[in-house]
Amino acid sequence: MPIQIPDSLPARATLEDENIFVMTEFRALHQDIRPLSLLILNLMPTKIVTETQLLRKLSNSPLQVQVELLRTLSHVSHNTDEGHLESFYTSFSEIKDKKFDGMIITGAPVENLDFTDVDYWGELCEIMEWSKTHVHSTLHICWGAQAGLYYHYGIPKYSLPKKLFGVFPHKAVRPQSPLFRGFDDVFYVPHSRYTENRLEDIQARPELELLAVSEQAGVFAVKSADNRRFFITGHPEYDPDTLANEYFRDVNKGLEINIPDNYFPQNDPKNPPQVRWRSAAQLFYTNWLNYYVYQTTPYDISRV
């Protein structure tokens, strides 16, 4: 997929070094095609890292995608340079009258807080409500999934006895679902969270369909019956060293942290991590973008 991004976005050089087809705004303007319009609400503190991870995963099909990056204004970011945010991010007030084929709402390291205690909760609720009429298909990730399930369906989150941390095997409950077309019978996904959604709460809502679970990590993938909203509780977009960086960061701070499960060979942090999730991650994002955005969104985007 030629993914269309601003010419000077830092992710561009990284992706081009990996031979990923990145299309600049100038080149896209000279093609007679309507690209998919995709909005990414980036709630992660390390925004440049998350941008690059998601753009990499969205770059694996023949589709052209025009990406806009959205941030919340009710939260001050302490981990990303304000110049970067001013250059590449937009605010809700600037895009609220636009329509989008797809939207991604990322996770955020706030799962130990009650939803209403998150400083940008009101703004996020406004965006999620807006998405019902202005976005064709929305993908919620990790805490973003918990927030979406709570806002749209009243599904609570529950604290875990200890942090769920590692790379876990999963199975599709509905292997015929286009979202998991081409997947192996068992596939791996990284998780890093302190809270969970419970199976019985999902199954009690007829508007929701359970798509994939893990024996160790619990509920993984859920969608609305109308195919407009998707919720995943893990991070298939993570880089090979994301969990390692998190682990060593906490170790260096003297915090209590478990060695991530199924990650370091022989469970030894001195060994380089073993990547088990890369191919499934690429397929997941490609399937969502193809089957639930491109194949079903109206050509006239004003009709979304």
Protein backbone atom coordinates (compact mmCIF):
# COMPACT_ATOMS: atom_id res chain seq x y z
CA MET A 1 0.00 0.00 0.00
CA PRO A 2 1.37 3.42 -0.81
CA ILE A 3 0.62 5.18 2.45
CA GLN A 4 0.27 8.93 2.08
CA ILE A 5 1.91 11.01 4.82
CA PRO A 6 3.45 14.49 5.15
CA ASP A 7 6.79 14.77 3.34
CA SER A 8 8.75 15.57 6.52
CA LEU A 9 7.12 13.18 9.02
CA PRO A 10 9.96 11.39 10.91
CA ALA A 11 8.40 7.98 10.22
CA ARG A 12 8.99 8.47 6.48
CA ALA A 13 12.75 7.83 6.62
CA THR A 14 12.35 4.77 8.84
CA LEU A 15 9.73 3.23 6.58
CA GLU A 16 11.65 3.97 3.38
CA ASP A 17 14.73 2.31 4.88
CA GLU A 18 12.56 -0.81 5.31
CA ASN A 19 11.51 -0.65 1.63
CA ILE A 20 7.94 0.24 2.58
CA PHE A 21 6.15 2.22 -0.10
CA VAL A 22 5.53 5.70 1.32
CA MET A 23 3.88 8.28 -0.91
CA THR A 24 4.48 11.97 -0.32
CA GLU A 25 1.62 14.46 -0.49
CA PHE A 26 3.07 15.95 -3.70
CA ARG A 27 3.04 12.63 -5.56
CA ALA A 28 -0.43 11.71 -4.31
CA LEU A 29 -1.90 14.94 -5.65
CA HIS A 30 -0.91 13.87 -9.16
CA GLN A 31 -2.77 10.54 -9.07
CA ASP A 32 -6.37 10.30 -10.28
CA ILE A 33 -7.66 8.13 -7.43
CA ARG A 34 -9.56 8.65 -4.21
CA PRO A 35 -7.35 7.41 -1.38
CA LEU A 36 -8.88 6.02 1.77
CA SER A 37 -9.03 8.70 4.43
CA LEU A 38 -7.73 7.36 7.75
CA LEU A 39 -7.60 9.20 11.07
CA ILE A 40 -5.29 8.01 13.87
CA LEU A 41 -6.09 9.29 17.36
CA ASN A 42 -2.72 8.77 19.04
CA LEU A 43 -3.07 8.58 22.82
CA MET A 44 0.32 6.98 23.45
CA PRO A 45 3.00 9.10 25.18
CA THR A 46 5.76 8.16 22.70
CA LYS A 47 3.83 9.35 19.68
CA ILE A 48 6.55 9.09 17.04
CA VAL A 49 7.17 5.42 17.93
CA THR A 50 3.44 4.64 17.73
CA GLU A 51 3.04 6.52 14.44
CA THR A 52 5.81 4.47 12.87
CA GLN A 53 4.48 1.16 14.22
CA LEU A 54 0.97 1.75 12.87
CA LEU A 55 2.07 3.16 9.52
CA ARG A 56 4.29 0.12 9.01
CA LYS A 57 1.37 -2.23 9.55
CA LEU A 58 -0.96 -0.23 7.31
CA SER A 59 1.51 -0.45 4.43
CA ASN A 60 0.94 -3.94 3.10
CA SER A 61 -1.75 -3.82 0.39
CA PRO A 62 -2.31 -2.14 -3.00
CA LEU A 63 -4.56 0.51 -1.41
CA GLN A 64 -3.64 4.15 -1.14
CA VAL A 65 -4.32 5.63 2.28
CA GLN A 66 -4.22 9.26 3.32
CA VAL A 67 -3.43 9.50 7.04
CA GLU A 68 -4.22 12.32 9.44
CA LEU A 69 -2.90 12.32 13.00
CA LEU A 70 -5.14 13.52 15.81
CA ARG A 71 -4.29 14.43 19.40
CA THR A 72 -6.32 15.49 22.41
CA LEU A 73 -5.92 19.08 23.55
CA SER A 74 -7.14 18.39 27.09
CA HIS A 75 -3.88 16.53 27.85
CA VAL A 76 -0.37 17.99 27.76
CA SER A 77 2.13 15.57 26.22
CA HIS A 78 5.44 15.39 28.13
CA ASN A 79 7.12 12.79 25.89
CA THR A 80 6.76 14.30 22.43
CA ASP A 81 8.19 17.61 21.26
CA GLU A 82 5.54 20.29 20.90
CA GLY A 83 7.02 21.24 17.53
CA HIS A 84 6.29 17.75 16.22
CA LEU A 85 2.73 17.92 17.49
CA GLU A 86 2.16 21.35 15.97
CA SER A 87 3.62 20.24 12.62
CA PHE A 88 1.91 16.89 12.16
CA TYR A 89 -1.12 16.66 14.44
CA THR A 90 -4.55 18.17 14.18
CA SER A 91 -7.19 18.82 16.83
CA PHE A 92 -10.78 17.63 16.97
CA SER A 93 -12.15 21.11 16.29
CA GLU A 94 -10.21 21.16 13.03
CA ILE A 95 -11.56 17.85 11.68
CA LYS A 96 -15.00 17.50 13.26
CA ASP A 97 -16.78 18.52 10.04
CA LYS A 98 -14.86 15.97 7.93
CA LYS A 99 -15.74 12.35 7.12
CA PHE A 100 -13.27 9.44 7.31
CA ASP A 101 -13.28 5.93 5.88
CA GLY A 102 -11.42 4.56 8.89
CA MET A 103 -10.12 5.56 12.28
CA ILE A 104 -7.72 4.03 14.80
CA ILE A 105 -7.86 4.89 18.50
CA THR A 106 -4.63 3.77 20.17
CA GLY A 107 -4.00 2.51 23.66
CA ALA A 108 -2.70 4.64 26.52
CA PRO A 109 -0.88 3.84 29.79
CA VAL A 110 -3.83 4.88 31.97
CA GLU A 111 -5.65 1.61 32.53
CA ASN A 112 -5.22 1.76 36.33
CA LEU A 113 -7.30 4.95 36.39
CA ASP A 114 -11.08 5.00 36.32
CA PHE A 115 -12.20 6.14 32.89
CA THR A 116 -13.65 9.37 34.26
CA ASP A 117 -10.37 10.19 36.04
CA VAL A 118 -8.44 10.35 32.75
CA ASP A 119 -7.90 14.04 32.01
CA TYR A 120 -9.00 13.77 28.38
CA TRP A 121 -11.96 11.44 28.99
CA GLY A 122 -14.56 14.07 28.09
CA GLU A 123 -12.78 14.90 24.85
CA LEU A 124 -12.39 11.23 23.98
CA CYS A 125 -16.09 10.61 24.57
CA GLU A 126 -16.91 13.50 22.23
CA ILE A 127 -14.67 11.97 19.55
CA MET A 128 -16.15 8.48 19.99
CA GLU A 129 -19.68 9.88 19.72
CA TRP A 130 -18.68 11.84 16.62
CA SER A 131 -17.24 8.66 15.07
CA LYS A 132 -20.74 7.13 14.91
CA THR A 133 -21.69 9.56 12.13
CA HIS A 134 -18.34 10.61 10.65
CA VAL A 135 -16.26 7.40 10.45
CA HIS A 136 -17.14 4.27 8.49
CA SER A 137 -15.03 1.80 10.54
CA THR A 138 -13.16 2.41 13.81
CA LEU A 139 -10.46 0.18 15.29
CA HIS A 140 -9.84 0.54 19.05
CA ILE A 141 -6.55 -0.80 20.49
CA CYS A 142 -5.80 -1.98 24.07
CA TRP A 143 -6.94 0.74 26.52
CA GLY A 144 -8.62 2.41 23.55
CA ALA A 145 -10.62 -0.83 23.17
CA GLN A 146 -11.56 -0.86 26.85
CA ALA A 147 -12.59 2.78 26.63
CA GLY A 148 -14.65 2.13 23.51
CA LEU A 149 -16.39 -0.93 24.95
CA TYR A 150 -17.25 1.04 28.08
CA TYR A 151 -18.48 4.14 26.25
CA HIS A 152 -20.50 2.42 23.53
CA TYR A 153 -21.75 -0.66 25.41
CA GLY A 154 -21.18 -0.12 29.14
CA ILE A 155 -18.65 -2.99 29.31
CA PRO A 156 -16.48 -2.54 32.46
CA LYS A 157 -12.78 -3.25 32.81
CA TYR A 158 -11.37 -5.24 35.73
CA SER A 159 -8.00 -5.07 37.46
CA LEU A 160 -5.72 -8.10 37.05
CA PRO A 161 -3.82 -9.65 39.98
CA LYS A 162 -0.59 -8.73 38.18
CA LYS A 163 0.36 -7.15 34.90
CA LEU A 164 -0.36 -9.19 31.78
CA PHE A 165 2.97 -8.87 30.04
CA GLY A 166 4.34 -10.90 27.16
CA VAL A 167 3.44 -12.58 23.87
CA PHE A 168 0.55 -15.02 24.06
CA PRO A 169 -1.07 -17.61 21.75
CA HIS A 170 -4.57 -16.86 20.46
CA LYS A 171 -7.29 -18.63 18.50
CA ALA A 172 -10.04 -17.19 16.33
CA VAL A 173 -13.50 -18.00 17.69
CA ARG A 174 -14.89 -17.16 14.25
CA PRO A 175 -12.15 -18.35 11.87
CA GLN A 176 -14.47 -17.61 8.94
CA SER A 177 -14.39 -13.91 9.82
CA PRO A 178 -12.65 -11.85 7.13
CA LEU A 179 -10.67 -10.16 9.92
CA PHE A 180 -8.80 -13.45 10.47
CA ARG A 181 -8.71 -14.68 6.88
CA GLY A 182 -5.36 -16.33 6.21
CA PHE A 183 -4.45 -16.72 9.90
CA ASP A 184 -2.89 -19.86 11.32
CA ASP A 185 -4.93 -21.90 13.82
CA VAL A 186 -2.79 -20.38 16.58
CA PHE A 187 -1.34 -16.88 16.31
CA TYR A 188 0.62 -14.70 18.74
CA VAL A 189 0.01 -11.16 19.95
CA PRO A 190 1.91 -8.99 22.47
CA HIS A 191 0.04 -7.70 25.53
CA SER A 192 1.05 -5.17 28.17
CA ARG A 193 -1.78 -4.19 30.53
CA TYR A 194 -3.07 -4.26 34.10
CA THR A 195 -6.78 -4.66 33.29
CA GLU A 196 -9.06 -6.87 31.26
CA ASN A 197 -12.52 -7.22 29.75
CA ARG A 198 -14.38 -10.38 30.66
CA LEU A 199 -15.89 -12.89 28.31
CA GLU A 200 -19.29 -13.01 30.03
CA ASP A 201 -19.76 -9.26 29.68
CA ILE A 202 -19.08 -9.43 25.94
CA GLN A 203 -21.37 -12.42 25.43
CA ALA A 204 -24.19 -10.68 27.31
CA ARG A 205 -24.42 -7.98 24.63
CA PRO A 206 -26.09 -9.19 21.41
CA GLU A 207 -24.71 -6.13 19.57
CA LEU A 208 -21.19 -7.52 20.00
CA GLU A 209 -19.47 -10.50 18.38
CA LEU A 210 -16.49 -12.22 19.97
CA LEU A 211 -13.87 -12.97 17.31
CA ALA A 212 -10.71 -14.22 19.06
CA VAL A 213 -9.51 -15.20 22.53
CA SER A 214 -6.42 -16.39 24.36
CA GLU A 215 -6.34 -18.93 27.17
CA GLN A 216 -3.81 -16.77 29.04
CA ALA A 217 -4.70 -13.26 27.85
CA GLY A 218 -8.49 -13.62 27.69
CA VAL A 219 -10.66 -11.65 25.28
CA PHE A 220 -8.66 -10.38 22.32
CA ALA A 221 -10.88 -9.30 19.42
CA VAL A 222 -14.50 -8.10 19.45
CA LYS A 223 -16.56 -6.30 16.83
CA SER A 224 -19.96 -4.68 16.62
CA ALA A 225 -22.60 -6.64 14.74
CA ASP A 226 -22.80 -3.87 12.12
CA ASN A 227 -19.02 -4.08 11.44
CA ARG A 228 -18.53 -0.41 12.32
CA ARG A 229 -16.44 -0.82 15.49
CA PHE A 230 -13.58 -3.22 16.29
CA PHE A 231 -11.86 -3.72 19.63
CA ILE A 232 -8.55 -5.52 20.25
CA THR A 233 -6.97 -5.81 23.69
CA GLY A 234 -3.37 -6.43 22.58
CA HIS A 235 -0.73 -4.69 20.49
CA PRO A 236 -0.05 -6.55 17.22
CA GLU A 237 1.71 -3.42 15.93
CA TYR A 238 4.50 -3.60 18.54
CA ASP A 239 8.12 -3.61 17.37
CA PRO A 240 10.42 -6.53 18.27
CA ASP A 241 12.00 -4.55 21.12
CA THR A 242 8.93 -2.74 22.51
CA LEU A 243 8.36 -5.13 25.42
CA ALA A 244 12.11 -5.31 26.08
CA ASN A 245 12.35 -1.54 26.29
CA GLU A 246 9.43 -1.48 28.71
CA TYR A 247 10.93 -4.26 30.82
CA PHE A 248 14.40 -2.70 31.10
CA ARG A 249 12.91 0.74 31.72
CA ASP A 250 11.06 -0.55 34.78
CA VAL A 251 14.03 -2.61 35.97
CA ASN A 252 16.25 0.47 35.81
CA LYS A 253 13.67 2.40 37.82
CA GLY A 254 13.65 -0.30 40.49
CA LEU A 255 10.01 -1.14 39.79
CA GLU A 256 8.53 -4.60 40.20
CA ILE A 257 8.16 -6.10 36.74
CA ASN A 258 7.87 -9.68 35.49
CA ILE A 259 9.99 -10.96 32.62
CA PRO A 260 7.60 -10.88 29.62
CA ASP A 261 6.15 -14.32 28.88
CA ASN A 262 7.12 -16.18 25.69
CA TYR A 263 9.44 -13.38 24.61
CA PHE A 264 13.10 -13.81 25.55
CA PRO A 265 14.52 -17.24 24.51
CA GLN A 266 15.04 -19.41 27.60
CA ASN A 267 13.22 -16.63 29.48
CA ASP A 268 16.60 -14.87 29.73
CA PRO A 269 16.56 -11.07 29.17
CA LYS A 270 20.17 -11.30 27.96
CA ASN A 271 18.89 -13.02 24.80
CA PRO A 272 17.42 -10.97 21.93
CA PRO A 273 13.60 -11.22 21.82
CA GLN A 274 12.02 -13.81 19.55
CA VAL A 275 9.41 -12.31 17.23
CA ARG A 276 6.35 -14.56 16.89
CA TRP A 277 3.69 -12.04 15.91
CA ARG A 278 4.98 -10.09 12.89
CA SER A 279 3.15 -11.94 10.08
CA ALA A 280 -0.16 -12.15 11.97
CA ALA A 281 0.07 -8.43 12.77
CA GLN A 282 0.58 -7.48 9.11
CA LEU A 283 -2.33 -9.69 8.08
CA PHE A 284 -4.61 -8.32 10.80
CA TYR A 285 -4.23 -4.68 9.79
CA THR A 286 -4.42 -5.49 6.08
CA ASN A 287 -7.62 -7.50 6.59
CA TRP A 288 -9.28 -4.73 8.61
CA LEU A 289 -8.33 -2.10 6.06
CA ASN A 290 -9.37 -4.20 3.06
CA TYR A 291 -12.53 -6.00 4.20
CA TYR A 292 -13.99 -3.51 6.66
CA VAL A 293 -12.86 -0.17 5.27
CA TYR A 294 -12.06 -0.31 1.53
CA GLN A 295 -14.61 -2.95 0.51
CA THR A 296 -17.56 -1.36 2.30
CA THR A 297 -16.98 2.39 2.59
CA PRO A 298 -18.97 4.55 0.12
CA TYR A 299 -16.98 5.99 -2.78
CA ASP A 300 -18.54 9.37 -2.03
CA ILE A 301 -16.99 9.98 1.40
CA SER A 302 -19.66 12.54 2.26
CA ARG A 303 -22.08 9.59 2.53
CA VAL A 304 -20.15 7.98 5.42
